[in-house]
Protein backbone atom coordinates (compact mmCIF):
# COMPACT_ATOMS: atom_id res chain seq x y z
CA MET A 1 -79.05 56.59 88.04
CA LYS A 2 -75.86 56.70 90.11
CA LEU A 3 -72.74 54.58 89.82
CA PHE A 4 -72.45 51.43 91.94
CA ASP A 5 -69.92 52.63 94.49
CA VAL A 6 -67.27 49.91 94.66
CA TYR A 7 -64.11 51.91 93.93
CA PRO A 8 -62.37 54.23 96.43
CA LEU A 9 -61.21 57.04 94.16
CA TYR A 10 -58.26 59.44 94.20
CA ASP A 11 -59.35 62.98 93.42
CA VAL A 12 -57.78 63.07 89.95
CA GLU A 13 -59.53 62.94 86.58
CA PRO A 14 -57.21 62.27 83.62
CA VAL A 15 -58.48 63.68 80.32
CA GLU A 16 -55.48 63.14 78.04
CA ALA A 17 -52.16 61.31 78.06
CA HIS A 18 -48.98 60.86 76.04
CA ASP A 19 -46.22 58.32 76.57
CA SER A 20 -45.69 58.19 80.37
CA ILE A 21 -47.51 61.46 81.12
CA VAL A 22 -51.16 61.75 82.17
CA VAL A 23 -52.87 65.17 82.17
CA ASP A 24 -55.86 65.88 84.43
CA LYS A 25 -58.87 68.13 83.75
CA ASN A 26 -57.05 71.07 85.34
CA GLY A 27 -54.05 70.73 83.04
CA VAL A 28 -51.78 69.21 85.72
CA GLU A 29 -49.30 66.64 84.40
CA TYR A 30 -48.59 63.39 86.25
CA LEU A 31 -45.79 60.88 85.71
CA ASP A 32 -47.48 57.51 85.22
CA LEU A 33 -45.52 54.77 86.97
CA TYR A 34 -48.57 52.52 87.27
CA GLY A 35 -49.92 52.27 83.73
CA GLY A 36 -53.48 51.63 84.89
CA HIS A 37 -52.55 48.28 86.52
CA ALA A 38 -49.76 47.41 84.02
CA VAL A 39 -52.06 47.95 81.05
CA ILE A 40 -50.17 50.73 79.25
CA SER A 41 -47.28 48.84 77.69
CA VAL A 42 -46.13 50.94 74.72
CA GLY A 43 -47.05 54.33 76.19
CA HIS A 44 -50.19 56.44 76.13
CA GLY A 45 -51.16 57.56 72.64
CA HIS A 46 -48.28 55.91 70.82
CA PRO A 47 -48.46 57.23 67.22
CA HIS A 48 -48.17 53.79 65.58
CA TYR A 49 -50.87 52.39 67.87
CA ILE A 50 -53.20 55.33 67.18
CA LYS A 51 -52.59 55.11 63.41
CA ARG A 52 -53.33 51.38 63.29
CA MET A 53 -56.51 51.75 65.36
CA LYS A 54 -57.85 54.64 63.26
CA GLU A 55 -57.14 52.83 60.02
CA GLN A 56 -58.90 49.71 61.26
CA LEU A 57 -61.91 51.66 62.54
CA ASP A 58 -62.29 53.18 59.06
CA LYS A 59 -62.62 49.61 57.71
CA ILE A 60 -64.53 47.50 60.24
CA GLY A 61 -64.50 47.56 64.03
CA PHE A 62 -66.41 44.42 64.92
CA TYR A 63 -68.09 41.32 63.68
CA SER A 64 -68.75 37.98 65.32
CA ASN A 65 -66.62 34.85 65.50
CA ALA A 66 -69.10 33.11 63.18
CA VAL A 67 -67.11 34.42 60.20
CA HIS A 68 -63.45 34.58 59.21
CA ASN A 69 -61.22 37.31 60.65
CA SER A 70 -57.70 37.11 59.28
CA LEU A 71 -56.50 39.61 61.89
CA GLN A 72 -56.82 36.80 64.45
CA THR A 73 -54.47 34.65 62.40
CA ASP A 74 -52.06 37.57 61.97
CA LEU A 75 -52.07 38.12 65.73
CA ALA A 76 -51.53 34.44 66.50
CA ASN A 77 -48.57 34.30 64.11
CA LYS A 78 -46.94 37.48 65.42
CA LEU A 79 -47.50 36.52 69.06
CA GLY A 80 -46.07 33.07 68.46
CA GLN A 81 -43.03 34.53 66.74
CA LEU A 82 -42.15 37.07 69.43
CA SER A 83 -42.97 34.90 72.43
CA GLY A 84 -41.27 31.73 71.20
CA TYR A 85 -44.52 29.74 71.30
CA ASP A 86 -45.24 29.48 67.58
CA ASN A 87 -46.52 25.89 67.92
CA TYR A 88 -49.19 26.86 70.47
CA GLN A 89 -52.87 27.68 69.82
CA LEU A 90 -54.55 31.00 70.64
CA PHE A 91 -58.03 31.61 72.01
CA LEU A 92 -59.00 35.27 72.34
CA CYS A 93 -61.30 36.86 74.91
CA ASN A 94 -61.66 40.27 76.57
CA SER A 95 -59.82 40.37 79.91
CA GLY A 96 -57.45 38.62 82.29
CA ALA A 97 -60.28 37.21 84.39
CA GLU A 98 -61.87 35.72 81.27
CA ALA A 99 -58.52 34.34 80.19
CA ASN A 100 -58.10 32.52 83.51
CA GLU A 101 -61.72 31.33 83.47
CA ASN A 102 -61.17 29.77 80.06
CA ALA A 103 -57.82 28.31 81.09
CA LEU A 104 -59.34 26.62 84.14
CA LYS A 105 -62.37 25.41 82.18
CA LEU A 106 -60.14 23.98 79.46
CA ALA A 107 -57.99 22.21 82.07
CA SER A 108 -61.12 20.66 83.58
CA PHE A 109 -62.35 19.53 80.16
CA TYR A 110 -58.96 18.00 79.38
CA THR A 111 -58.45 16.17 82.68
CA GLN A 112 -62.13 15.54 83.54
CA LYS A 113 -61.27 16.67 87.08
CA SER A 114 -62.24 19.79 89.03
CA ARG A 115 -59.93 20.66 91.94
CA ILE A 116 -57.60 23.62 91.47
CA ILE A 117 -54.32 24.31 93.22
CA SER A 118 -53.46 27.99 93.66
CA PHE A 119 -51.06 29.86 95.95
CA HIS A 120 -51.19 32.16 98.94
CA ASN A 121 -51.54 35.84 97.89
CA GLY A 122 -52.29 34.83 94.32
CA PHE A 123 -54.70 36.95 92.26
CA HIS A 124 -56.37 35.62 89.11
CA GLY A 125 -59.48 37.75 88.59
CA ARG A 126 -62.90 38.52 90.05
CA THR A 127 -65.19 36.07 88.23
CA SER A 128 -66.39 32.57 89.10
CA ALA A 129 -63.44 30.12 89.15
CA ALA A 130 -60.84 32.86 88.67
CA VAL A 131 -61.86 34.61 91.89
CA ALA A 132 -62.20 31.28 93.69
CA ALA A 133 -58.54 30.70 92.84
CA THR A 134 -57.72 34.17 94.20
CA ASP A 135 -56.47 34.24 97.79
CA ASN A 136 -58.77 36.97 99.09
CA ALA A 137 -61.84 35.90 101.06
CA LYS A 138 -63.33 39.41 100.96
CA ILE A 139 -63.97 39.26 97.21
CA ASN A 140 -65.27 35.69 97.16
CA ALA A 141 -69.06 35.34 97.39
CA PRO A 142 -70.68 32.10 98.60
CA LEU A 143 -71.32 31.24 94.94
CA ASN A 144 -67.59 31.40 94.20
CA LYS A 145 -66.66 29.38 97.29
CA GLN A 146 -68.39 26.33 95.82
CA GLN A 147 -65.31 25.84 93.67
CA ASP A 148 -62.81 23.26 94.97
CA VAL A 149 -59.57 25.20 95.42
CA THR A 150 -56.57 24.41 97.60
CA PHE A 151 -54.16 27.23 98.46
CA LEU A 152 -50.52 26.40 99.08
CA PRO A 153 -47.48 28.47 100.07
CA LEU A 154 -44.98 29.31 97.35
CA ASN A 155 -41.88 27.13 97.18
CA ASP A 156 -43.29 24.31 99.36
CA LEU A 157 -42.71 21.25 97.21
CA ASP A 158 -43.63 18.72 99.90
CA LEU A 159 -47.16 20.10 100.23
CA LEU A 160 -47.46 20.36 96.45
CA LYS A 161 -46.46 16.69 96.01
CA THR A 162 -48.97 15.61 98.64
CA GLU A 163 -51.86 17.45 97.00
CA LEU A 164 -51.07 16.40 93.45
CA SER A 165 -50.73 12.76 94.49
CA LYS A 166 -54.41 12.69 95.52
CA GLY A 167 -55.31 12.42 91.83
CA ASP A 168 -58.23 14.87 91.71
CA VAL A 169 -56.47 18.05 90.55
CA CYS A 170 -57.24 19.45 87.10
CA ALA A 171 -54.91 22.45 87.18
CA VAL A 172 -52.23 24.33 89.03
CA ILE A 173 -52.53 28.06 88.38
CA ILE A 174 -49.68 30.37 89.36
CA GLU A 175 -48.31 33.83 88.62
CA PRO A 176 -44.58 33.79 87.80
CA ILE A 177 -44.39 37.02 89.80
CA GLN A 178 -47.35 37.87 92.00
CA GLY A 179 -48.89 41.23 91.16
CA VAL A 180 -51.61 42.28 93.60
CA GLY A 181 -50.11 39.89 96.15
CA GLY A 182 -46.91 41.90 96.41
CA LEU A 183 -44.26 40.78 93.88
CA ASP A 184 -43.34 37.49 95.56
CA GLU A 185 -42.25 34.67 93.27
CA GLY A 186 -41.24 31.05 93.23
CA THR A 187 -37.63 29.99 92.81
CA THR A 188 -36.37 28.48 89.57
CA PHE A 189 -35.99 25.14 91.35
CA PHE A 190 -39.61 25.33 92.52
CA PHE A 191 -40.92 26.13 89.03
CA LYS A 192 -38.95 23.34 87.40
CA GLU A 193 -40.16 20.82 89.98
CA LEU A 194 -43.71 22.15 89.62
CA GLU A 195 -43.59 21.54 85.88
CA LYS A 196 -42.21 18.03 86.42
CA LEU A 197 -44.83 17.15 89.05
CA CYS A 198 -47.68 18.40 86.86
CA LYS A 199 -46.52 16.23 83.98
CA GLU A 200 -46.12 13.17 86.24
CA ASN A 201 -49.62 13.62 87.66
CA LYS A 202 -51.28 14.60 84.35
CA VAL A 203 -52.24 18.01 85.73
CA ILE A 204 -52.48 21.12 83.54
CA LEU A 205 -49.96 23.83 84.47
CA ILE A 206 -51.38 27.33 83.91
CA LEU A 207 -49.02 30.31 84.04
CA ASP A 208 -50.97 33.49 84.71
CA GLU A 209 -48.99 36.07 82.72
CA VAL A 210 -51.85 38.59 82.65
CA GLN A 211 -49.77 41.24 84.40
CA SER A 212 -46.23 39.95 83.84
CA GLY A 213 -46.45 39.17 80.12
CA PHE A 214 -45.80 41.14 76.95
CA GLY A 215 -42.25 42.13 77.88
CA ARG A 216 -42.95 43.76 81.24
CA THR A 217 -40.28 41.79 83.12
CA GLY A 218 -37.50 42.02 80.52
CA LYS A 219 -38.46 38.76 78.82
CA PHE A 220 -41.60 38.24 76.79
CA PHE A 221 -42.97 36.10 79.62
CA ALA A 222 -41.71 36.07 83.19
CA HIS A 223 -41.80 32.27 83.42
CA GLN A 224 -39.11 32.20 80.72
CA TYR A 225 -36.59 33.20 83.41
CA HIS A 226 -37.10 29.68 84.79
CA GLY A 227 -36.84 27.67 81.58
CA ILE A 228 -40.24 26.01 81.92
CA THR A 229 -43.00 25.35 79.38
CA PRO A 230 -46.56 25.56 80.74
CA ASP A 231 -49.58 23.88 79.19
CA ILE A 232 -51.60 27.11 79.13
CA ILE A 233 -50.51 30.76 79.37
CA SER A 234 -53.09 33.44 80.17
CA ILE A 235 -52.54 36.95 78.79
CA ALA A 236 -54.24 40.38 78.90
CA LYS A 237 -53.45 43.85 80.38
CA GLY A 238 -50.44 45.13 78.37
CA MET A 239 -51.59 43.10 75.39
CA GLY A 240 -53.86 45.86 74.10
CA ASN A 241 -52.30 49.02 75.59
CA GLY A 242 -55.70 50.00 76.95
CA PHE A 243 -58.04 48.28 74.52
CA PRO A 244 -59.83 45.35 76.22
CA ILE A 245 -58.32 42.07 75.04
CA GLY A 246 -57.17 38.86 76.66
CA GLY A 247 -56.43 35.32 75.67
CA ILE A 248 -54.94 31.96 76.41
CA MET A 249 -52.06 30.29 74.61
CA ILE A 250 -52.63 26.54 74.56
CA ALA A 251 -50.11 23.74 74.10
CA PRO A 252 -50.56 21.55 71.00
CA HIS A 253 -51.45 18.41 72.98
CA ILE A 254 -54.71 20.04 74.13
CA GLU A 255 -57.09 19.55 71.22
CA PRO A 256 -60.06 21.84 70.53
CA SER A 257 -63.64 20.91 69.69
CA TYR A 258 -66.51 23.06 68.48
CA GLY A 259 -68.33 24.78 71.31
CA MET A 260 -65.69 24.03 73.95
CA LEU A 261 -65.00 27.76 74.43
CA GLY A 262 -66.72 30.82 73.02
CA THR A 263 -67.02 34.60 73.19
CA THR A 264 -69.00 37.39 71.57
CA PHE A 265 -66.49 40.23 71.62
CA GLY A 266 -63.21 38.33 71.99
CA GLY A 267 -60.83 38.64 69.05
CA ASN A 268 -62.78 41.39 67.32
CA HIS A 269 -61.12 43.48 64.62
CA LEU A 270 -60.20 46.44 66.81
CA ALA A 271 -58.90 44.23 69.62
CA CYS A 272 -56.66 42.26 67.28
CA THR A 273 -55.37 45.48 65.72
CA ALA A 274 -54.54 46.87 69.16
CA ALA A 275 -52.58 43.75 70.10
CA LEU A 276 -50.78 43.65 66.75
CA ALA A 277 -49.79 47.31 67.13
CA VAL A 278 -48.41 46.59 70.59
CA LEU A 279 -46.32 43.69 69.31
CA GLU A 280 -45.03 45.78 66.41
CA VAL A 281 -43.94 48.59 68.75
CA LEU A 282 -42.38 46.17 71.26
CA GLU A 283 -40.29 44.71 68.45
CA ALA A 284 -39.41 47.90 66.56
CA GLU A 285 -38.43 49.92 69.64
CA GLU A 286 -36.81 47.01 71.53
CA LEU A 287 -38.98 47.74 74.55
CA ILE A 288 -38.43 44.35 76.18
CA ASP A 289 -34.71 45.12 76.43
CA ASN A 290 -35.59 48.59 77.69
CA ALA A 291 -37.77 47.09 80.41
CA ARG A 292 -34.87 44.98 81.65
CA LEU A 293 -32.25 47.73 81.50
CA THR A 294 -34.45 50.49 82.93
CA GLY A 295 -35.65 48.12 85.64
CA ASP A 296 -32.06 47.36 86.65
CA TYR A 297 -31.36 51.09 86.87
CA PHE A 298 -34.49 51.62 88.99
CA VAL A 299 -33.46 48.89 91.45
CA THR A 300 -29.97 50.34 91.84
CA LYS A 301 -31.28 53.85 92.55
CA ALA A 302 -34.14 52.75 94.82
CA LEU A 303 -31.89 50.66 97.05
CA GLU A 304 -29.84 53.77 97.83
CA ILE A 305 -32.83 55.39 99.58
CA THR A 306 -33.04 55.19 103.37
CA GLY A 307 -36.12 53.26 104.44
CA VAL A 308 -36.25 51.00 101.39
CA GLN A 309 -36.01 47.42 102.67
CA GLN A 310 -35.89 45.67 99.29
CA VAL A 311 -37.02 45.91 95.68
CA LYS A 312 -38.94 42.90 94.41
CA GLY A 313 -39.74 41.80 90.88
CA LYS A 314 -38.06 42.00 87.50
CA GLY A 315 -37.86 44.47 84.63
CA LEU A 316 -40.59 47.07 85.01
CA MET A 317 -42.77 44.91 87.23
CA LEU A 318 -41.37 46.06 90.55
CA GLY A 319 -42.31 46.49 94.18
CA VAL A 320 -40.49 48.88 96.52
CA GLU A 321 -40.90 47.64 100.09
CA PHE A 322 -40.53 49.99 103.06
CA ASP A 323 -40.49 49.54 106.84
CA PHE A 324 -43.85 51.34 107.14
CA GLU A 325 -47.26 51.22 105.42
CA VAL A 326 -47.30 53.27 102.22
CA ALA A 327 -50.90 54.46 101.84
CA GLU A 328 -50.05 58.03 102.84
CA LEU A 329 -46.86 57.95 100.81
CA ARG A 330 -48.86 57.07 97.69
CA LYS A 331 -51.20 60.00 98.34
CA LYS A 332 -48.30 62.41 98.73
CA LEU A 333 -46.69 61.14 95.54
CA ILE A 334 -49.95 61.76 93.68
CA TYR A 335 -51.04 65.08 95.18
CA ASP A 336 -47.68 66.71 95.99
CA GLU A 337 -45.30 65.23 93.41
CA HIS A 338 -47.84 64.30 90.70
CA ILE A 339 -46.67 60.71 90.29
CA PHE A 340 -48.93 57.63 90.02
CA THR A 341 -47.80 54.43 91.74
CA GLY A 342 -49.68 51.32 92.85
CA GLY A 343 -50.40 49.44 96.04
CA ALA A 344 -50.62 45.75 96.91
CA MET A 345 -51.91 43.34 99.55
CA ASN A 346 -48.55 43.98 101.19
CA LYS A 347 -49.35 47.36 102.76
CA LYS A 348 -45.67 48.30 102.93
CA LEU A 349 -45.07 47.97 99.20
CA LEU A 350 -45.31 50.45 96.31
CA ARG A 351 -45.95 48.80 92.95
CA ILE A 352 -44.14 50.22 89.93
CA LEU A 353 -45.71 49.28 86.56
CA PRO A 354 -44.92 52.08 84.10
CA PRO A 355 -45.11 52.07 80.31
CA LEU A 356 -42.18 50.10 78.91
CA THR A 357 -41.05 53.25 77.07
CA ILE A 358 -39.74 55.04 80.17
CA GLY A 359 -36.06 55.69 80.74
CA LYS A 360 -33.59 56.97 83.30
CA THR A 361 -34.96 60.53 83.25
CA GLU A 362 -38.34 59.39 84.56
CA ILE A 363 -36.73 57.10 87.11
CA ASP A 364 -34.57 59.96 88.38
CA GLN A 365 -37.69 62.13 88.68
CA PHE A 366 -39.37 59.47 90.82
CA ILE A 367 -36.32 58.92 93.03
CA LYS A 368 -36.02 62.65 93.69
CA ALA A 369 -39.73 62.91 94.49
CA LEU A 370 -39.54 59.90 96.80
CA GLN A 371 -36.64 61.42 98.70
CA THR A 372 -38.61 64.64 99.05
CA VAL A 373 -41.72 63.03 100.54
CA LEU A 374 -39.94 60.43 102.67
CA VAL A 375 -38.55 62.95 105.15
CA PRO A 376 -41.97 64.15 106.46
CA GLU A 377 -43.40 60.65 105.97
CA LYS A 378 -41.05 59.18 108.57
CA ILE A 379 -41.65 61.88 111.20
């Protein structure tokens, strides 16, 4: 049997990693400024994370949600404490796509409506309703296109008011900072009005924090920069530092009932331990503050480079935009300078999503490498 060929691959095979360094099968070290799509939050192979996972595996790795698992309660309490949402409810699943699926399903249950409002260049996953709410026709099959989704431009309140007033919307789903779409974001005024309009029209507001959550932007959640309180928050990626876990945080006015949502693997013992270890490291090492401070340093240094048009994003969820397409630049950074970065729907933008443990030394290494490759790149 061969693999189903759906991924264009760079010719690199990592076999070990530590902190922000990835080592390939030939022993070559790479600086990881991408974190496997913002997944590596507390660094590769963090000793506390490894210790907690090994200890848990020696006890029990998995059992179903038909029995008690106090690790789920521990995780809910710790997550509530650090995020500021201790009065919310937690449902655990396995990925960001699943988190958004469950968020949208729950919104439809609650409102008894079905239309979704999403935004241009938004990305919410590759499954069913989540991919239907993703602004990319190429990854939507006819099956997905049966969903009733309306895409709007960011920051256009007039169009938003018009659509919500029709009375058939169950949910508005939005990323506080767009990831795959290219680091665009709504204004604080837009987010505050969005929250107000959703409440007035009895529509569930879902903040997709799958990529931007868990301290990546310098706050626990990126929407907290705008002083809003969504009905549902979807989480994943950096939540498990590489172990598959996702979830939704649900406001207290949305009441559960047996069978409403379910999962086989979600919230298993190893997954909960991974997420707890991440939260413990974030707190003990003050990595959320580090994300903000190191991100500010990155922006200052990057804006000094000729050819950089702007730096988008917050904390360590950043996009460096150039006046040319960056596909070849990314290749040169990987193969010549041994640095991983990411791309986006915006072909002129490099995405920077490193472990939250990095500091000025790693940023300086990247800036120097970028200056080195930019000279031939522009010729």
